[in-house]
Amino acid sequence: MAQRHSPPVPCPAPVLAISFLAWAATGLELTVNDHPADFPLPTKPGQAVALSCLVHNSSQAERLVWYRGEGQVGLSDGNRENSSSICIFPVSESDHGVAFTCRLERDRAVQVSVLLDVEFPPQLSGEETLHIEEEKDVTLTCNSKSNPQAQTTWYKDNNSLTLQPGRHELYQTSEVFQLSIRKIQKSDNGTYTCVVESPLGKGTKDFHLVVEDKKPVFPKEAVIAAIVVVTVTVFFGIVARKDILFKCFRKSSETAL
């Protein structure tokens, strides 16, 4: 007997609908200032930065949210649907390296971030006077931020400082510049200048180093030992003379009677 074959069963309509929705979701994207992916934005302190976020390829109204770093930015109701704009004004040095992110509210994996690249010169000024004893160590510290990162040069009495191995040590990060001098000598007297310079400008700070004579040091052990010796001597002296003292005391008492 011949076998009967059943006709193929057509795909149910819900499966087709799910496939269509998946395609639609895949096509949806955001842009910020016409950029579909994360990007850096150069700017300077005092300027205004406008960021505009748009939804593309959406078949329905989409709500947007903005973040500054990890904190959500407050938006008015009319500035949320399908497009949203924010303005940063005035831009400051503290905005450097901060990400402003536009996200789809119902799917926050759909997002575009703008990294602010705030350019500013070194901000360093002032002076400081330091009194240091001979043979002590000292560290001169300049704290300065800048973008792009600055280079540092140290001067002594307006001349380039000649670094001596074992006595001078330099330490530098993006914000801290230090000069350490070991076992200060009288010849180290003078004015040390920290010059921090970038393509946008420079800053300076003066350190007036006054080297004082080394103060004599009295060993604590010797002082304590001397006090103990004096105390014991006085004590035994009093004990040895107690009989004489008592006799004097009695004699004085008899005379008074």
Protein backbone atom coordinates (compact mmCIF):
# COMPACT_ATOMS: atom_id res chain seq x y z
CA MET A 1 0.00 0.00 0.00
CA ALA A 2 1.40 3.39 -0.95
CA GLN A 3 2.18 5.79 1.89
CA ARG A 4 0.24 9.04 2.02
CA HIS A 5 2.19 12.30 2.54
CA SER A 6 0.62 15.20 4.45
CA PRO A 7 0.81 18.60 2.76
CA PRO A 8 3.29 21.11 4.34
CA VAL A 9 1.81 23.22 7.09
CA PRO A 10 2.17 26.99 6.43
CA CYS A 11 4.03 29.15 9.04
CA PRO A 12 1.66 30.68 11.54
CA ALA A 13 1.04 34.39 11.22
CA PRO A 14 2.49 35.24 14.72
CA VAL A 15 5.89 33.89 13.65
CA LEU A 16 5.90 36.21 10.66
CA ALA A 17 4.94 39.14 12.87
CA ILE A 18 7.78 38.42 15.30
CA SER A 19 10.26 38.21 12.43
CA PHE A 20 9.07 41.58 11.12
CA LEU A 21 9.40 43.21 14.54
CA ALA A 22 12.92 41.81 14.94
CA TRP A 23 13.86 43.32 11.58
CA ALA A 24 12.34 46.65 12.57
CA ALA A 25 14.18 46.70 15.89
CA THR A 26 17.44 45.89 14.13
CA GLY A 27 17.01 48.80 11.74
CA LEU A 28 16.30 51.35 14.50
CA GLU A 29 19.21 53.62 15.37
CA LEU A 30 20.12 56.91 17.03
CA THR A 31 22.36 59.73 15.90
CA VAL A 32 23.78 62.62 17.89
CA ASN A 33 24.74 65.62 15.76
CA ASP A 34 24.53 63.26 12.75
CA HIS A 35 26.98 60.76 14.30
CA PRO A 36 25.61 57.17 14.52
CA ALA A 37 28.40 56.04 16.89
CA ASP A 38 30.30 57.38 19.90
CA PHE A 39 32.60 60.32 19.12
CA PRO A 40 34.79 62.95 20.83
CA LEU A 41 33.86 66.62 20.61
CA PRO A 42 36.63 69.24 20.98
CA THR A 43 35.60 72.43 22.78
CA LYS A 44 36.98 75.13 25.09
CA PRO A 45 35.98 76.65 28.45
CA GLY A 46 33.26 79.28 28.16
CA GLN A 47 31.85 77.94 24.92
CA ALA A 48 28.37 76.47 24.39
CA VAL A 49 27.89 72.90 23.14
CA ALA A 50 24.56 71.87 21.59
CA LEU A 51 23.78 68.16 21.26
CA SER A 52 20.82 66.92 19.19
CA CYS A 53 19.68 63.28 19.32
CA LEU A 54 17.40 61.78 16.62
CA VAL A 55 15.64 58.41 16.24
CA HIS A 56 15.87 56.76 12.79
CA ASN A 57 13.92 53.87 11.19
CA SER A 58 11.25 53.77 13.89
CA SER A 59 7.66 52.71 13.18
CA GLN A 60 6.39 54.21 16.44
CA ALA A 61 7.01 57.14 18.76
CA GLU A 62 10.16 56.58 20.81
CA ARG A 63 11.11 58.34 24.05
CA LEU A 64 14.71 59.39 24.65
CA VAL A 65 16.76 59.98 27.81
CA TRP A 66 20.06 61.85 28.32
CA TYR A 67 22.84 61.09 30.82
CA ARG A 68 25.79 63.15 32.00
CA GLY A 69 28.20 60.45 33.12
CA GLU A 70 26.04 58.18 35.28
CA GLY A 71 23.48 60.86 36.21
CA GLN A 72 20.27 61.38 34.24
CA VAL A 73 19.63 64.83 32.76
CA GLY A 74 16.24 66.42 33.40
CA LEU A 75 14.22 67.00 30.20
CA SER A 76 10.91 68.70 29.51
CA ASP A 77 8.06 66.51 28.17
CA GLY A 78 8.25 68.14 24.74
CA ASN A 79 11.94 67.31 24.47
CA ARG A 80 11.76 63.52 24.70
CA GLU A 81 9.89 62.02 21.75
CA ASN A 82 11.83 60.95 18.62
CA SER A 83 14.23 63.87 19.02
CA SER A 84 15.86 65.53 22.00
CA SER A 85 18.38 68.33 22.44
CA ILE A 86 20.52 69.56 25.33
CA CYS A 87 22.93 72.49 25.67
CA ILE A 88 26.04 72.63 27.87
CA PHE A 89 26.82 76.25 28.72
CA PRO A 90 29.24 77.43 29.78
CA VAL A 91 31.66 74.56 29.22
CA SER A 92 34.24 74.33 32.04
CA GLU A 93 37.45 72.43 32.73
CA SER A 94 35.45 70.02 34.93
CA ASP A 95 33.54 68.88 31.81
CA HIS A 96 36.72 67.48 30.25
CA GLY A 97 36.44 63.74 29.71
CA VAL A 98 32.72 63.66 30.64
CA ALA A 99 30.43 61.56 28.42
CA PHE A 100 26.97 62.85 27.45
CA THR A 101 24.86 59.89 26.32
CA CYS A 102 21.52 59.75 24.48
CA ARG A 103 19.61 56.47 25.00
CA LEU A 104 16.39 54.89 23.86
CA GLU A 105 14.15 54.73 26.93
CA ARG A 106 12.67 51.27 26.21
CA ASP A 107 16.01 49.74 25.15
CA ARG A 108 18.97 51.50 26.75
CA ALA A 109 21.42 49.36 24.81
CA VAL A 110 20.58 51.63 21.87
CA GLN A 111 22.68 54.70 22.60
CA VAL A 112 25.28 57.19 21.33
CA SER A 113 27.83 58.93 23.59
CA VAL A 114 29.67 62.21 23.11
CA LEU A 115 32.98 62.59 24.99
CA LEU A 116 33.80 66.24 25.67
CA ASP A 117 37.43 67.08 24.89
CA VAL A 118 37.84 70.42 26.68
CA GLU A 119 41.12 72.12 25.77
CA PHE A 120 42.60 74.55 28.32
CA PRO A 121 46.07 75.87 29.23
CA PRO A 122 47.93 75.10 32.49
CA GLN A 123 46.53 76.95 35.49
CA LEU A 124 49.45 77.54 37.82
CA SER A 125 50.65 80.64 39.66
CA GLY A 126 51.81 81.99 43.02
CA GLU A 127 54.83 81.53 45.24
CA GLU A 128 55.83 79.75 48.43
CA THR A 129 58.66 80.21 50.95
CA LEU A 130 60.17 77.15 52.62
CA HIS A 131 62.59 77.14 55.58
CA ILE A 132 64.56 73.90 55.68
CA GLU A 133 67.41 72.77 57.96
CA GLU A 134 70.63 71.53 56.46
CA GLU A 135 70.73 67.79 55.69
CA LYS A 136 66.92 67.54 55.66
CA ASP A 137 64.92 66.44 52.59
CA VAL A 138 62.41 68.66 50.79
CA THR A 139 59.81 68.16 48.03
CA LEU A 140 58.51 71.03 45.88
CA THR A 141 55.05 70.30 44.40
CA CYS A 142 53.22 71.96 41.50
CA ASN A 143 49.57 70.94 41.03
CA SER A 144 48.32 71.86 37.57
CA LYS A 145 45.73 70.50 35.12
CA SER A 146 45.85 71.12 31.40
CA ASN A 147 44.64 69.67 28.10
CA PRO A 148 46.62 68.79 26.11
CA GLN A 149 49.00 67.57 28.81
CA ALA A 150 51.79 70.00 29.61
CA GLN A 151 55.54 69.55 29.95
CA THR A 152 57.43 70.75 33.03
CA THR A 153 60.82 72.43 33.37
CA TRP A 154 62.51 73.36 36.66
CA TYR A 155 64.73 76.45 37.06
CA LYS A 156 66.95 77.66 39.90
CA ASP A 157 67.53 81.41 40.10
CA ASN A 158 66.28 81.79 36.50
CA ASN A 159 68.74 79.19 35.15
CA SER A 160 67.95 75.63 34.07
CA LEU A 161 68.33 73.35 37.07
CA THR A 162 71.18 70.87 36.78
CA LEU A 163 69.95 67.60 38.24
CA GLN A 164 72.40 65.70 40.42
CA PRO A 165 71.88 61.92 40.53
CA GLY A 166 71.14 60.78 44.06
CA ARG A 167 70.16 64.28 45.22
CA HIS A 168 67.47 65.41 42.78
CA GLU A 169 64.45 63.37 41.76
CA LEU A 170 61.56 64.29 39.45
CA TYR A 171 58.01 62.89 39.66
CA GLN A 172 55.28 63.72 37.15
CA THR A 173 51.68 62.71 36.47
CA SER A 174 49.00 64.43 34.38
CA GLU A 175 48.27 66.82 37.27
CA VAL A 176 51.22 66.70 39.70
CA PHE A 177 54.83 67.81 39.12
CA GLN A 178 57.37 67.35 41.93
CA LEU A 179 61.04 68.07 42.54
CA SER A 180 62.63 66.30 45.53
CA ILE A 181 66.00 67.35 46.95
CA ARG A 182 67.80 65.06 49.42
CA LYS A 183 70.13 66.24 52.19
CA ILE A 184 69.75 69.96 51.66
CA GLN A 185 72.98 72.01 51.62
CA LYS A 186 73.67 75.74 51.96
CA SER A 187 74.35 75.85 48.22
CA ASP A 188 70.70 74.85 47.64
CA ASN A 189 69.53 78.29 48.83
CA GLY A 190 67.62 80.14 46.14
CA THR A 191 64.42 80.45 44.11
CA TYR A 192 63.14 77.36 42.29
CA THR A 193 60.63 77.91 39.50
CA CYS A 194 58.23 75.30 38.14
CA VAL A 195 57.29 76.12 34.53
CA VAL A 196 54.34 74.10 33.14
CA GLU A 197 53.86 74.66 29.40
CA SER A 198 51.49 73.34 26.72
CA PRO A 199 50.66 74.48 23.16
CA LEU A 200 47.88 76.64 24.67
CA GLY A 201 50.01 78.53 27.19
CA LYS A 202 52.05 78.17 30.35
CA GLY A 203 51.93 78.67 34.11
CA THR A 204 54.68 79.22 36.69
CA LYS A 205 55.16 78.93 40.44
CA ASP A 206 58.15 80.08 42.54
CA PHE A 207 59.54 78.34 45.61
CA HIS A 208 61.89 80.44 47.77
CA LEU A 209 64.09 77.89 49.55
CA VAL A 210 65.85 79.16 52.69
CA VAL A 211 68.39 76.71 54.11
CA GLU A 212 68.94 77.19 57.85
CA ASP A 213 71.77 75.99 60.07
CA LYS A 214 71.35 72.53 61.46
CA LYS A 215 70.09 72.64 65.04
CA PRO A 216 72.13 70.67 67.61
CA VAL A 217 70.47 67.46 68.60
CA PHE A 218 70.59 66.22 72.20
CA PRO A 219 70.20 62.46 72.50
CA LYS A 220 67.10 61.65 74.55
CA GLU A 221 68.81 58.68 76.18
CA ALA A 222 71.63 60.84 77.53
CA VAL A 223 69.20 63.45 78.91
CA ILE A 224 67.08 60.79 80.62
CA ALA A 225 70.16 59.11 82.08
CA ALA A 226 71.42 62.44 83.47
CA ILE A 227 68.06 63.15 85.13
CA VAL A 228 68.03 59.70 86.70
CA VAL A 229 71.61 60.13 88.04
CA VAL A 230 70.82 63.54 89.54
CA THR A 231 67.61 62.25 91.14
CA VAL A 232 69.31 59.19 92.66
CA THR A 233 72.24 61.30 93.93
CA VAL A 234 69.91 63.77 95.63
CA PHE A 235 67.85 60.97 97.13
CA PHE A 236 70.84 59.13 98.63
CA GLY A 237 72.31 62.43 99.80
CA ILE A 238 69.16 63.12 101.78
CA VAL A 239 69.15 59.58 103.23
CA ALA A 240 72.79 59.86 104.28
CA ARG A 241 72.14 63.14 106.11
CA LYS A 242 68.85 62.23 107.72
CA ASP A 243 70.38 61.74 111.17
CA ILE A 244 72.01 65.16 111.09
CA LEU A 245 68.78 66.72 109.88
CA PHE A 246 66.80 65.06 112.65
CA LYS A 247 69.32 66.26 115.29
CA CYS A 248 69.11 69.78 113.93
CA PHE A 249 65.37 69.59 114.04
CA ARG A 250 65.36 68.35 117.66
CA LYS A 251 67.87 70.97 118.71
CA SER A 252 65.79 73.68 117.18
CA SER A 253 62.74 72.35 118.97
CA GLU A 254 64.53 72.31 122.38
CA THR A 255 65.70 75.88 121.89
CA ALA A 256 62.20 76.96 121.10
CA LEU A 257 60.97 75.47 124.38
